[in-house]
Amino acid sequence: MAVAAQTARIWRQLLAAVILVGGMLLPVRLQAAASRPADTVVIASFNIQVFGTSKLAKPHVVDVLSKVVRNFDVVAIQEVRAKSNDVIPSFVKQVNADGSRYQYVIGPRLGRTVSKEQYTFLYDTSRIEVDTTSVGTMHDPGDRLHRPPMFVRFRARTQPAEQGFTFWMMNSHTDPDEVPEEVDALADAFAALKLARPDEDDIILLGDLNASPQQFGRLRQLPDINWAVSGTTTNTRRSKTYDNLIFQRTATAEYTGKWGVLDLQTTYSLSLKQALEVSDHNPVWAAFSATEARPAASGGGREPPASPILIPANSGATR
C-alpha cells in the first residue's frame, strides 16, 4: 500500500500531457525534468519531421523541442535529415541550456534515395547510461527495410548497478509505401535482437511505424507481445495512429502500465499551424521501473552482442 500511495503522489505531481483513457482525452502529468522519480524510467519516441538546419534555425520551434526532450529520460528520434553533422550536437546544447545533462547517440544516414535519414537517441546522463559495447544498426542483407533499425542498450543509473533496469531500444521508421512488408521485417529484427546476447531479455521497439496496432501483422504474433499506445491518435492532426512502443509483457515486467501521447497543441498552447511547425507527429511515451524485475542470465555484464545482428533476408513466418 505504501508503494501504491507513493506512486499516486508521483503521478499527481506531473506536468500536463494528454492520454486517451476509456475513449476520452484526459490530462496526465509528466514529471518535471529536475524531479523525475528515481524509481521510474520514462522513455519516449518522437518523429521530428525533417529535422535539419532549417528547423534548427527557428528558435521558437527549438524551444518547444527542447522542452519536450526534458520530460523524458530517453528519447528515440526519427527523421533527422541533414547533410550537416552539427544538427544534433547543436540541438543538445539547446536542450542543456537550462542545466540539463543530455547526451546523444546517432546512427548513419540511411535510405534508398538521395533523401537520407538518421536515427538518434537523446538521454539524460544523470539518470541513464549507454552500454557502449552494444550500439549499432541492424544489418539488412535482404534489403527489406528502407532504414534498418538502430539499436542501443541502456541502463538506469538511479539504482545500484546490479539492480538497475537494462534494456535494448530499437529505433525504427518504416516507409509509408511499404508498411506491411517492413512491419513483417521488424518482427524478424525483434527476434534477431532477442538472440543477440543471453544476458538481456528486455527489448523496446519504438518509433514511427506508420501503422496502428491493427496493422502490426507478424509483430502481433510474437510471444507475449504488448504495445503501449492504443485507442488514440499520435499524429499532430489527431487523425492517425503511427507511433508506438512495443515489448514483450512478461520479459519486460518493468513496464508500469503508464503511457501517453504528449499533445503538442495542448501541452504548449499552440495552434495547429504552430504545432505542425514543430512536427507532424506528437511524442509518445511509456514508463518503466528503474529496477530490474529479474536478474539477467549472466549478471547483467557488458559482453558485446554477436556482430553483425542480421535481419533474415526472408520472412521468418511459417509458410
C-alpha atoms as a PDB file:
ATOM      1  CA  MET A   1       0.000   0.000   0.000  1.00  0.00           C
ATOM      2  CA  ALA A   2       2.885   2.371   0.779  1.00  0.00           C
ATOM      3  CA  VAL A   3       4.304   1.817  -2.715  1.00  0.00           C
ATOM      4  CA  ALA A   4       0.899   2.460  -4.284  1.00  0.00           C
ATOM      5  CA  ALA A   5       0.470   5.667  -2.306  1.00  0.00           C
ATOM      6  CA  GLN A   6       3.940   6.855  -3.262  1.00  0.00           C
ATOM      7  CA  THR A   7       3.263   6.113  -6.922  1.00  0.00           C
ATOM      8  CA  ALA A   8      -0.011   8.026  -6.755  1.00  0.00           C
ATOM      9  CA  ARG A   9       1.766  11.039  -5.256  1.00  0.00           C
ATOM     10  CA  ILE A  10       4.404  10.919  -8.001  1.00  0.00           C
ATOM     11  CA  TRP A  11       1.917  10.952 -10.825  1.00  0.00           C
ATOM     12  CA  ARG A  12      -0.162  13.735  -9.238  1.00  0.00           C
ATOM     13  CA  GLN A  13       2.904  15.989  -9.479  1.00  0.00           C
ATOM     14  CA  LEU A  14       3.316  15.668 -13.252  1.00  0.00           C
ATOM     15  CA  LEU A  15       3.163  18.395 -15.929  1.00  0.00           C
ATOM     16  CA  ALA A  16       0.269  18.330 -18.414  1.00  0.00           C
ATOM     17  CA  ALA A  17       0.271  15.949 -21.352  1.00  0.00           C
ATOM     18  CA  VAL A  18      -2.555  14.008 -22.971  1.00  0.00           C
ATOM     19  CA  ILE A  19      -3.513  10.344 -22.890  1.00  0.00           C
ATOM     20  CA  LEU A  20      -6.629   8.613 -24.098  1.00  0.00           C
ATOM     21  CA  VAL A  21      -8.350   6.702 -21.306  1.00  0.00           C
ATOM     22  CA  GLY A  22     -11.682   4.997 -21.784  1.00  0.00           C
ATOM     23  CA  GLY A  23     -12.276   6.861 -25.039  1.00  0.00           C
ATOM     24  CA  MET A  24     -11.748  10.341 -23.551  1.00  0.00           C
ATOM     25  CA  LEU A  25      -8.782  12.689 -23.636  1.00  0.00           C
ATOM     26  CA  LEU A  26      -7.708  13.186 -20.034  1.00  0.00           C
ATOM     27  CA  PRO A  27      -4.833  15.221 -18.557  1.00  0.00           C
ATOM     28  CA  VAL A  28      -1.939  13.047 -17.424  1.00  0.00           C
ATOM     29  CA  ARG A  29       1.027  14.784 -15.921  1.00  0.00           C
ATOM     30  CA  LEU A  30       4.659  14.284 -16.882  1.00  0.00           C
ATOM     31  CA  GLN A  31       7.310  14.846 -14.239  1.00  0.00           C
ATOM     32  CA  ALA A  32       9.436  17.948 -14.470  1.00  0.00           C
ATOM     33  CA  ALA A  33      12.957  17.014 -15.530  1.00  0.00           C
ATOM     34  CA  ALA A  34      14.627  18.062 -12.276  1.00  0.00           C
ATOM     35  CA  SER A  35      12.310  15.959 -10.125  1.00  0.00           C
ATOM     36  CA  ARG A  36      11.514  12.789 -12.037  1.00  0.00           C
ATOM     37  CA  PRO A  37      11.283   9.935  -9.516  1.00  0.00           C
ATOM     38  CA  ALA A  38      14.398   7.804  -9.137  1.00  0.00           C
ATOM     39  CA  ASP A  39      12.357   4.601  -9.337  1.00  0.00           C
ATOM     40  CA  THR A  40      10.952   5.268 -12.839  1.00  0.00           C
ATOM     41  CA  VAL A  41      12.424   5.461 -16.357  1.00  0.00           C
ATOM     42  CA  VAL A  42      10.297   7.411 -18.830  1.00  0.00           C
ATOM     43  CA  ILE A  43      11.023   6.511 -22.460  1.00  0.00           C
ATOM     44  CA  ALA A  44       9.703   8.397 -25.481  1.00  0.00           C
ATOM     45  CA  SER A  45       9.627   8.203 -29.255  1.00  0.00           C
ATOM     46  CA  PHE A  46       9.398  11.335 -31.398  1.00  0.00           C
ATOM     47  CA  ASN A  47       9.454  11.733 -35.171  1.00  0.00           C
ATOM     48  CA  ILE A  48      10.704  15.314 -35.516  1.00  0.00           C
ATOM     49  CA  GLN A  49       9.585  15.776 -39.107  1.00  0.00           C
ATOM     50  CA  VAL A  50      12.520  16.677 -41.413  1.00  0.00           C
ATOM     51  CA  PHE A  51      14.765  17.673 -38.539  1.00  0.00           C
ATOM     52  CA  GLY A  52      17.590  19.603 -40.142  1.00  0.00           C
ATOM     53  CA  THR A  53      19.224  23.025 -40.354  1.00  0.00           C
ATOM     54  CA  SER A  54      16.030  24.825 -41.414  1.00  0.00           C
ATOM     55  CA  LYS A  55      14.079  23.669 -38.371  1.00  0.00           C
ATOM     56  CA  LEU A  56      17.057  24.273 -36.093  1.00  0.00           C
ATOM     57  CA  ALA A  57      17.131  27.907 -37.314  1.00  0.00           C
ATOM     58  CA  LYS A  58      13.670  28.579 -35.806  1.00  0.00           C
ATOM     59  CA  PRO A  59      14.186  29.493 -32.132  1.00  0.00           C
ATOM     60  CA  HIS A  60      10.506  29.123 -31.198  1.00  0.00           C
ATOM     61  CA  VAL A  61      10.464  25.586 -32.635  1.00  0.00           C
ATOM     62  CA  VAL A  62      13.728  24.594 -30.936  1.00  0.00           C
ATOM     63  CA  ASP A  63      12.358  25.930 -27.653  1.00  0.00           C
ATOM     64  CA  VAL A  64       9.359  23.590 -27.853  1.00  0.00           C
ATOM     65  CA  LEU A  65      11.508  20.647 -28.934  1.00  0.00           C
ATOM     66  CA  SER A  66      13.888  21.238 -26.030  1.00  0.00           C
ATOM     67  CA  LYS A  67      11.009  21.335 -23.563  1.00  0.00           C
ATOM     68  CA  VAL A  68       9.698  18.070 -24.987  1.00  0.00           C
ATOM     69  CA  VAL A  69      13.012  16.262 -24.534  1.00  0.00           C
ATOM     70  CA  ARG A  70      13.406  17.427 -20.929  1.00  0.00           C
ATOM     71  CA  ASN A  71      10.270  15.489 -19.950  1.00  0.00           C
ATOM     72  CA  PHE A  72      11.958  12.158 -20.627  1.00  0.00           C
ATOM     73  CA  ASP A  73      14.908  10.021 -19.594  1.00  0.00           C
ATOM     74  CA  VAL A  74      15.489   8.673 -23.110  1.00  0.00           C
ATOM     75  CA  VAL A  75      14.025   9.905 -26.402  1.00  0.00           C
ATOM     76  CA  ALA A  76      14.284   7.921 -29.639  1.00  0.00           C
ATOM     77  CA  ILE A  77      14.179  10.429 -32.502  1.00  0.00           C
ATOM     78  CA  GLN A  78      13.359   9.648 -36.106  1.00  0.00           C
ATOM     79  CA  GLU A  79      13.758  11.664 -39.309  1.00  0.00           C
ATOM     80  CA  VAL A  80      16.950  13.583 -38.667  1.00  0.00           C
ATOM     81  CA  ARG A  81      17.521  14.743 -42.217  1.00  0.00           C
ATOM     82  CA  ALA A  82      20.531  16.971 -42.822  1.00  0.00           C
ATOM     83  CA  LYS A  83      23.828  16.972 -44.692  1.00  0.00           C
ATOM     84  CA  SER A  84      25.430  18.798 -41.771  1.00  0.00           C
ATOM     85  CA  ASN A  85      26.744  16.820 -38.811  1.00  0.00           C
ATOM     86  CA  ASP A  86      26.048  19.725 -36.454  1.00  0.00           C
ATOM     87  CA  VAL A  87      22.256  19.468 -36.153  1.00  0.00           C
ATOM     88  CA  ILE A  88      22.059  17.070 -33.204  1.00  0.00           C
ATOM     89  CA  PRO A  89      25.085  18.468 -31.288  1.00  0.00           C
ATOM     90  CA  SER A  90      23.642  21.982 -31.654  1.00  0.00           C
ATOM     91  CA  PHE A  91      20.217  20.794 -30.559  1.00  0.00           C
ATOM     92  CA  VAL A  92      21.616  19.038 -27.491  1.00  0.00           C
ATOM     93  CA  LYS A  93      23.312  22.302 -26.477  1.00  0.00           C
ATOM     94  CA  GLN A  94      19.906  23.980 -26.576  1.00  0.00           C
ATOM     95  CA  VAL A  95      18.348  21.168 -24.537  1.00  0.00           C
ATOM     96  CA  ASN A  96      21.109  21.550 -21.937  1.00  0.00           C
ATOM     97  CA  ALA A  97      20.877  25.356 -21.825  1.00  0.00           C
ATOM     98  CA  ASP A  98      18.833  25.094 -18.615  1.00  0.00           C
ATOM     99  CA  GLY A  99      21.490  22.989 -16.884  1.00  0.00           C
ATOM    100  CA  SER A 100      20.207  19.611 -18.078  1.00  0.00           C
ATOM    101  CA  ARG A 101      22.769  16.907 -18.840  1.00  0.00           C
ATOM    102  CA  TYR A 102      21.611  15.185 -22.001  1.00  0.00           C
ATOM    103  CA  GLN A 103      23.903  13.411 -24.445  1.00  0.00           C
ATOM    104  CA  TYR A 104      23.219  11.652 -27.725  1.00  0.00           C
ATOM    105  CA  VAL A 105      23.964   8.592 -29.818  1.00  0.00           C
ATOM    106  CA  ILE A 106      23.398   8.954 -33.566  1.00  0.00           C
ATOM    107  CA  GLY A 107      23.349   6.419 -36.376  1.00  0.00           C
ATOM    108  CA  PRO A 108      24.472   6.562 -40.013  1.00  0.00           C
ATOM    109  CA  ARG A 109      22.481   8.132 -42.822  1.00  0.00           C
ATOM    110  CA  LEU A 110      20.058   5.557 -44.189  1.00  0.00           C
ATOM    111  CA  GLY A 111      17.690   5.270 -47.121  1.00  0.00           C
ATOM    112  CA  ARG A 112      17.392   4.056 -50.687  1.00  0.00           C
ATOM    113  CA  THR A 113      17.043   7.528 -52.221  1.00  0.00           C
ATOM    114  CA  VAL A 114      19.112  10.712 -52.073  1.00  0.00           C
ATOM    115  CA  SER A 115      16.973  11.777 -49.100  1.00  0.00           C
ATOM    116  CA  LYS A 116      18.727  10.055 -46.203  1.00  0.00           C
ATOM    117  CA  GLU A 117      17.636   9.945 -42.562  1.00  0.00           C
ATOM    118  CA  GLN A 118      19.389   9.272 -39.281  1.00  0.00           C
ATOM    119  CA  TYR A 119      18.136   7.759 -36.060  1.00  0.00           C
ATOM    120  CA  THR A 120      19.287   9.270 -32.804  1.00  0.00           C
ATOM    121  CA  PHE A 121      18.782   8.751 -29.079  1.00  0.00           C
ATOM    122  CA  LEU A 122      18.940  11.571 -26.551  1.00  0.00           C
ATOM    123  CA  TYR A 123      19.349  10.507 -22.923  1.00  0.00           C
ATOM    124  CA  ASP A 124      19.698  12.194 -19.554  1.00  0.00           C
ATOM    125  CA  THR A 125      23.188  11.257 -18.379  1.00  0.00           C
ATOM    126  CA  SER A 126      22.277  11.958 -14.755  1.00  0.00           C
ATOM    127  CA  ARG A 127      19.805   9.065 -14.898  1.00  0.00           C
ATOM    128  CA  ILE A 128      20.740   6.838 -17.843  1.00  0.00           C
ATOM    129  CA  GLU A 129      23.962   5.373 -19.230  1.00  0.00           C
ATOM    130  CA  VAL A 130      24.788   3.729 -22.555  1.00  0.00           C
ATOM    131  CA  ASP A 131      26.394   0.323 -22.877  1.00  0.00           C
ATOM    132  CA  THR A 132      28.978   1.344 -25.470  1.00  0.00           C
ATOM    133  CA  THR A 133      29.600  -2.287 -26.459  1.00  0.00           C
ATOM    134  CA  SER A 134      26.004  -2.575 -27.681  1.00  0.00           C
ATOM    135  CA  VAL A 135      25.364   0.229 -30.166  1.00  0.00           C
ATOM    136  CA  GLY A 136      24.747  -0.275 -33.860  1.00  0.00           C
ATOM    137  CA  THR A 137      22.481  -0.537 -36.883  1.00  0.00           C
ATOM    138  CA  MET A 138      20.936  -3.857 -37.833  1.00  0.00           C
ATOM    139  CA  HIS A 139      22.301  -5.443 -40.995  1.00  0.00           C
ATOM    140  CA  ASP A 140      19.670  -5.988 -43.663  1.00  0.00           C
ATOM    141  CA  PRO A 141      21.224  -8.168 -46.405  1.00  0.00           C
ATOM    142  CA  GLY A 142      17.814  -8.764 -47.986  1.00  0.00           C
ATOM    143  CA  ASP A 143      17.126  -5.011 -48.231  1.00  0.00           C
ATOM    144  CA  ARG A 144      13.747  -5.488 -46.556  1.00  0.00           C
ATOM    145  CA  LEU A 145      13.731  -2.061 -44.900  1.00  0.00           C
ATOM    146  CA  HIS A 146      14.434   1.395 -46.284  1.00  0.00           C
ATOM    147  CA  ARG A 147      16.022   2.324 -42.957  1.00  0.00           C
ATOM    148  CA  PRO A 148      17.091  -0.685 -40.835  1.00  0.00           C
ATOM    149  CA  PRO A 149      16.609  -0.104 -37.089  1.00  0.00           C
ATOM    150  CA  MET A 150      19.292   1.341 -34.865  1.00  0.00           C
ATOM    151  CA  PHE A 151      19.788  -0.429 -31.532  1.00  0.00           C
ATOM    152  CA  VAL A 152      21.321   0.764 -28.261  1.00  0.00           C
ATOM    153  CA  ARG A 153      21.426  -0.871 -24.831  1.00  0.00           C
ATOM    154  CA  PHE A 154      20.821   1.424 -21.856  1.00  0.00           C
ATOM    155  CA  ARG A 155      20.890   1.111 -18.059  1.00  0.00           C
ATOM    156  CA  ALA A 156      19.116   3.119 -15.377  1.00  0.00           C
ATOM    157  CA  ARG A 157      21.698   4.876 -13.198  1.00  0.00           C
ATOM    158  CA  THR A 158      19.307   5.820 -10.406  1.00  0.00           C
ATOM    159  CA  GLN A 159      19.596   2.349  -8.856  1.00  0.00           C
ATOM    160  CA  PRO A 160      22.679   0.334  -7.803  1.00  0.00           C
ATOM    161  CA  ALA A 161      24.431  -1.044 -10.888  1.00  0.00           C
ATOM    162  CA  GLU A 162      23.456  -4.648 -10.229  1.00  0.00           C
ATOM    163  CA  GLN A 163      19.786  -3.653  -9.782  1.00  0.00           C
ATOM    164  CA  GLY A 164      19.326  -1.028 -12.488  1.00  0.00           C
ATOM    165  CA  PHE A 165      16.915  -1.737 -15.345  1.00  0.00           C
ATOM    166  CA  THR A 166      18.851  -2.612 -18.501  1.00  0.00           C
ATOM    167  CA  PHE A 167      17.146  -2.659 -21.872  1.00  0.00           C
ATOM    168  CA  TRP A 168      17.593  -2.615 -25.611  1.00  0.00           C
ATOM    169  CA  MET A 169      15.929   0.163 -27.566  1.00  0.00           C
ATOM    170  CA  MET A 170      15.338  -0.427 -31.269  1.00  0.00           C
ATOM    171  CA  ASN A 171      14.577   2.786 -33.172  1.00  0.00           C
ATOM    172  CA  SER A 172      12.551   2.406 -36.373  1.00  0.00           C
ATOM    173  CA  HIS A 173      10.873   4.487 -39.085  1.00  0.00           C
ATOM    174  CA  THR A 174       9.057   2.416 -41.674  1.00  0.00           C
ATOM    175  CA  ASP A 175       8.460   3.533 -45.240  1.00  0.00           C
ATOM    176  CA  PRO A 176       4.790   4.593 -45.587  1.00  0.00           C
ATOM    177  CA  ASP A 177       4.531   2.916 -49.009  1.00  0.00           C
ATOM    178  CA  GLU A 178       5.718  -0.492 -47.770  1.00  0.00           C
ATOM    179  CA  VAL A 179       4.235  -0.765 -44.295  1.00  0.00           C
ATOM    180  CA  PRO A 180       3.096  -4.445 -44.357  1.00  0.00           C
ATOM    181  CA  GLU A 181       6.434  -5.643 -45.700  1.00  0.00           C
ATOM    182  CA  GLU A 182       8.505  -3.522 -43.320  1.00  0.00           C
ATOM    183  CA  VAL A 183       6.437  -4.366 -40.234  1.00  0.00           C
ATOM    184  CA  ASP A 184       6.930  -8.025 -41.170  1.00  0.00           C
ATOM    185  CA  ALA A 185      10.688  -7.421 -41.307  1.00  0.00           C
ATOM    186  CA  LEU A 186      10.582  -5.725 -37.900  1.00  0.00           C
ATOM    187  CA  ALA A 187       9.143  -8.891 -36.381  1.00  0.00           C
ATOM    188  CA  ASP A 188      12.255 -10.726 -37.571  1.00  0.00           C
ATOM    189  CA  ALA A 189      14.505  -7.867 -36.403  1.00  0.00           C
ATOM    190  CA  PHE A 190      12.958  -8.067 -32.928  1.00  0.00           C
ATOM    191  CA  ALA A 191      13.592 -11.820 -32.788  1.00  0.00           C
ATOM    192  CA  ALA A 192      17.181 -11.353 -34.010  1.00  0.00           C
ATOM    193  CA  LEU A 193      17.956  -8.800 -31.308  1.00  0.00           C
ATOM    194  CA  LYS A 194      16.416 -11.101 -28.714  1.00  0.00           C
ATOM    195  CA  LEU A 195      19.117 -13.653 -29.548  1.00  0.00           C
ATOM    196  CA  ALA A 196      21.962 -11.126 -29.639  1.00  0.00           C
ATOM    197  CA  ARG A 197      23.048 -11.602 -26.036  1.00  0.00           C
ATOM    198  CA  PRO A 198      21.813 -14.038 -23.369  1.00  0.00           C
ATOM    199  CA  ASP A 199      22.016 -11.539 -20.516  1.00  0.00           C
ATOM    200  CA  GLU A 200      19.366  -9.171 -21.882  1.00  0.00           C
ATOM    201  CA  ASP A 201      15.695 -10.015 -22.307  1.00  0.00           C
ATOM    202  CA  ASP A 202      14.228  -6.510 -22.448  1.00  0.00           C
ATOM    203  CA  ILE A 203      13.680  -5.117 -25.938  1.00  0.00           C
ATOM    204  CA  ILE A 204      11.684  -1.967 -26.629  1.00  0.00           C
ATOM    205  CA  LEU A 205      10.935  -1.487 -30.317  1.00  0.00           C
ATOM    206  CA  LEU A 206       9.727   2.058 -30.808  1.00  0.00           C
ATOM    207  CA  GLY A 207       9.336   4.696 -33.454  1.00  0.00           C
ATOM    208  CA  ASP A 208       7.169   5.844 -36.308  1.00  0.00           C
ATOM    209  CA  LEU A 209       5.821   2.569 -37.651  1.00  0.00           C
ATOM    210  CA  ASN A 210       3.233   4.211 -39.929  1.00  0.00           C
ATOM    211  CA  ALA A 211       0.909   1.531 -38.567  1.00  0.00           C
ATOM    212  CA  SER A 212      -1.759   1.186 -35.913  1.00  0.00           C
ATOM    213  CA  PRO A 213      -1.790  -1.951 -33.730  1.00  0.00           C
ATOM    214  CA  GLN A 214      -4.354  -3.472 -36.109  1.00  0.00           C
ATOM    215  CA  GLN A 215      -1.679  -3.278 -38.833  1.00  0.00           C
ATOM    216  CA  PHE A 216       1.140  -4.882 -36.843  1.00  0.00           C
ATOM    217  CA  GLY A 217       0.902  -8.158 -38.762  1.00  0.00           C
ATOM    218  CA  ARG A 218       3.532 -10.644 -37.602  1.00  0.00           C
ATOM    219  CA  LEU A 219       4.615  -8.316 -34.803  1.00  0.00           C
ATOM    220  CA  ARG A 220       1.322  -9.211 -33.130  1.00  0.00           C
ATOM    221  CA  GLN A 221       2.256 -12.892 -33.356  1.00  0.00           C
ATOM    222  CA  LEU A 222       5.467 -12.591 -31.339  1.00  0.00           C
ATOM    223  CA  PRO A 223       5.141 -14.361 -27.976  1.00  0.00           C
ATOM    224  CA  ASP A 224       3.585 -12.232 -25.234  1.00  0.00           C
ATOM    225  CA  ILE A 225       3.882  -9.054 -27.317  1.00  0.00           C
ATOM    226  CA  ASN A 226       2.452  -5.816 -25.974  1.00  0.00           C
ATOM    227  CA  TRP A 227       2.263  -2.213 -27.139  1.00  0.00           C
ATOM    228  CA  ALA A 228       1.876   0.900 -25.026  1.00  0.00           C
ATOM    229  CA  VAL A 229      -0.217   3.201 -27.235  1.00  0.00           C
ATOM    230  CA  SER A 230      -3.729   2.074 -28.019  1.00  0.00           C
ATOM    231  CA  GLY A 231      -7.085   3.647 -28.785  1.00  0.00           C
ATOM    232  CA  THR A 232      -5.801   7.123 -29.608  1.00  0.00           C
ATOM    233  CA  THR A 233      -4.085   9.069 -32.366  1.00  0.00           C
ATOM    234  CA  THR A 234      -0.417  10.045 -32.400  1.00  0.00           C
ATOM    235  CA  ASN A 235      -0.084  12.468 -35.304  1.00  0.00           C
ATOM    236  CA  THR A 236      -0.374  16.216 -34.761  1.00  0.00           C
ATOM    237  CA  ARG A 237      -3.579  16.459 -36.788  1.00  0.00           C
ATOM    238  CA  ARG A 238      -5.111  13.851 -34.431  1.00  0.00           C
ATOM    239  CA  SER A 239      -6.235  11.611 -37.277  1.00  0.00           C
ATOM    240  CA  LYS A 240      -3.828   8.620 -37.340  1.00  0.00           C
ATOM    241  CA  THR A 241      -2.006   6.216 -35.019  1.00  0.00           C
ATOM    242  CA  TYR A 242       1.541   5.852 -36.307  1.00  0.00           C
ATOM    243  CA  ASP A 243       3.869   5.831 -33.303  1.00  0.00           C
ATOM    244  CA  ASN A 244       4.265   3.248 -30.553  1.00  0.00           C
ATOM    245  CA  LEU A 245       6.458   1.363 -28.090  1.00  0.00           C
ATOM    246  CA  ILE A 246       6.393  -2.442 -28.416  1.00  0.00           C
ATOM    247  CA  PHE A 247       7.798  -5.019 -25.987  1.00  0.00           C
ATOM    248  CA  GLN A 248       7.130  -8.453 -24.512  1.00  0.00           C
ATOM    249  CA  ARG A 249       4.992  -8.049 -21.416  1.00  0.00           C
ATOM    250  CA  THR A 250       6.420 -10.903 -19.323  1.00  0.00           C
ATOM    251  CA  ALA A 251      10.066 -10.269 -20.242  1.00  0.00           C
ATOM    252  CA  THR A 252       9.706  -6.526 -19.709  1.00  0.00           C
ATOM    253  CA  ALA A 253       7.791  -6.753 -16.464  1.00  0.00           C
ATOM    254  CA  GLU A 254       9.304  -3.375 -15.594  1.00  0.00           C
ATOM    255  CA  TYR A 255       6.528  -1.702 -17.596  1.00  0.00           C
ATOM    256  CA  THR A 256       4.364   0.236 -15.125  1.00  0.00           C
ATOM    257  CA  GLY A 257       1.291   0.496 -17.330  1.00  0.00           C
ATOM    258  CA  LYS A 258       1.723   4.273 -17.583  1.00  0.00           C
ATOM    259  CA  TRP A 259       1.846   5.658 -21.121  1.00  0.00           C
ATOM    260  CA  GLY A 260       0.774   8.711 -23.022  1.00  0.00           C
ATOM    261  CA  VAL A 261       0.761  10.915 -26.080  1.00  0.00           C
ATOM    262  CA  LEU A 262       2.214  14.341 -25.388  1.00  0.00           C
ATOM    263  CA  ASP A 263      -0.113  16.546 -27.408  1.00  0.00           C
ATOM    264  CA  LEU A 264       1.930  19.495 -28.677  1.00  0.00           C
ATOM    265  CA  GLN A 265      -1.069  21.796 -29.063  1.00  0.00           C
ATOM    266  CA  THR A 266      -2.500  21.139 -25.609  1.00  0.00           C
ATOM    267  CA  THR A 267       0.777  20.977 -23.688  1.00  0.00           C
ATOM    268  CA  TYR A 268       2.397  24.096 -25.147  1.00  0.00           C
ATOM    269  CA  SER A 269      -0.728  26.130 -26.033  1.00  0.00           C
ATOM    270  CA  LEU A 270      -0.023  26.020 -29.771  1.00  0.00           C
ATOM    271  CA  SER A 271      -2.341  26.405 -32.717  1.00  0.00           C
ATOM    272  CA  LEU A 272      -2.386  23.533 -35.186  1.00  0.00           C
ATOM    273  CA  LYS A 273      -0.237  25.595 -37.556  1.00  0.00           C
ATOM    274  CA  GLN A 274       2.301  26.277 -34.821  1.00  0.00           C
ATOM    275  CA  ALA A 275       2.356  22.633 -33.733  1.00  0.00           C
ATOM    276  CA  LEU A 276       2.931  21.482 -37.319  1.00  0.00           C
ATOM    277  CA  GLU A 277       5.998  23.718 -37.456  1.00  0.00           C
ATOM    278  CA  VAL A 278       7.397  21.547 -34.683  1.00  0.00           C
ATOM    279  CA  SER A 279       6.379  18.208 -36.219  1.00  0.00           C
ATOM    280  CA  ASP A 280       3.516  16.349 -37.823  1.00  0.00           C
ATOM    281  CA  HIS A 281       3.866  13.768 -35.009  1.00  0.00           C
ATOM    282  CA  ASN A 282       3.268  14.034 -31.280  1.00  0.00           C
ATOM    283  CA  PRO A 283       5.753  12.330 -28.928  1.00  0.00           C
ATOM    284  CA  VAL A 284       4.587   9.057 -27.383  1.00  0.00           C
ATOM    285  CA  TRP A 285       5.940   7.654 -24.108  1.00  0.00           C
ATOM    286  CA  ALA A 286       5.784   4.862 -21.581  1.00  0.00           C
ATOM    287  CA  ALA A 287       7.106   4.478 -18.035  1.00  0.00           C
ATOM    288  CA  PHE A 288       9.155   1.576 -16.676  1.00  0.00           C
ATOM    289  CA  SER A 289      10.530   0.665 -13.276  1.00  0.00           C
ATOM    290  CA  ALA A 290      14.164   1.707 -12.849  1.00  0.00           C
ATOM    291  CA  THR A 291      14.812  -1.574 -11.025  1.00  0.00           C
ATOM    292  CA  GLU A 292      15.382  -4.758 -12.990  1.00  0.00           C
ATOM    293  CA  ALA A 293      12.398  -7.059 -12.482  1.00  0.00           C
ATOM    294  CA  ARG A 294      14.515 -10.196 -12.517  1.00  0.00           C
ATOM    295  CA  PRO A 295      18.272 -10.859 -12.677  1.00  0.00           C
ATOM    296  CA  ALA A 296      19.874 -11.120 -16.085  1.00  0.00           C
ATOM    297  CA  ALA A 297      21.014 -14.575 -17.146  1.00  0.00           C
ATOM    298  CA  SER A 298      24.686 -13.727 -16.795  1.00  0.00           C
ATOM    299  CA  GLY A 299      24.625 -10.986 -14.235  1.00  0.00           C
ATOM    300  CA  GLY A 300      23.942  -8.020 -16.496  1.00  0.00           C
ATOM    301  CA  GLY A 301      27.515  -7.703 -17.747  1.00  0.00           C
ATOM    302  CA  ARG A 302      28.836  -5.865 -20.775  1.00  0.00           C
ATOM    303  CA  GLU A 303      29.674  -8.643 -23.185  1.00  0.00           C
ATOM    304  CA  PRO A 304      29.105  -7.284 -26.705  1.00  0.00           C
ATOM    305  CA  PRO A 305      26.400  -8.899 -28.827  1.00  0.00           C
ATOM    306  CA  ALA A 306      27.145 -11.130 -31.763  1.00  0.00           C
ATOM    307  CA  SER A 307      28.141  -8.903 -34.682  1.00  0.00           C
ATOM    308  CA  PRO A 308      26.607  -8.136 -37.038  1.00  0.00           C
ATOM    309  CA  ILE A 309      22.996  -8.532 -35.926  1.00  0.00           C
ATOM    310  CA  LEU A 310      21.210  -9.687 -39.059  1.00  0.00           C
ATOM    311  CA  ILE A 311      17.629  -9.295 -40.178  1.00  0.00           C
ATOM    312  CA  PRO A 312      16.903 -12.538 -42.078  1.00  0.00           C
ATOM    313  CA  ALA A 313      16.796 -11.973 -45.807  1.00  0.00           C
ATOM    314  CA  ASN A 314      13.464 -13.755 -45.961  1.00  0.00           C
ATOM    315  CA  SER A 315      10.457 -13.653 -43.675  1.00  0.00           C
ATOM    316  CA  GLY A 316      10.648 -15.915 -40.664  1.00  0.00           C
ATOM    317  CA  ALA A 317       6.952 -16.678 -40.920  1.00  0.00           C
ATOM    318  CA  THR A 318       5.862 -20.308 -41.132  1.00  0.00           C
ATOM    319  CA  ARG A 319       4.520 -20.999 -44.582  1.00  0.00           C
END
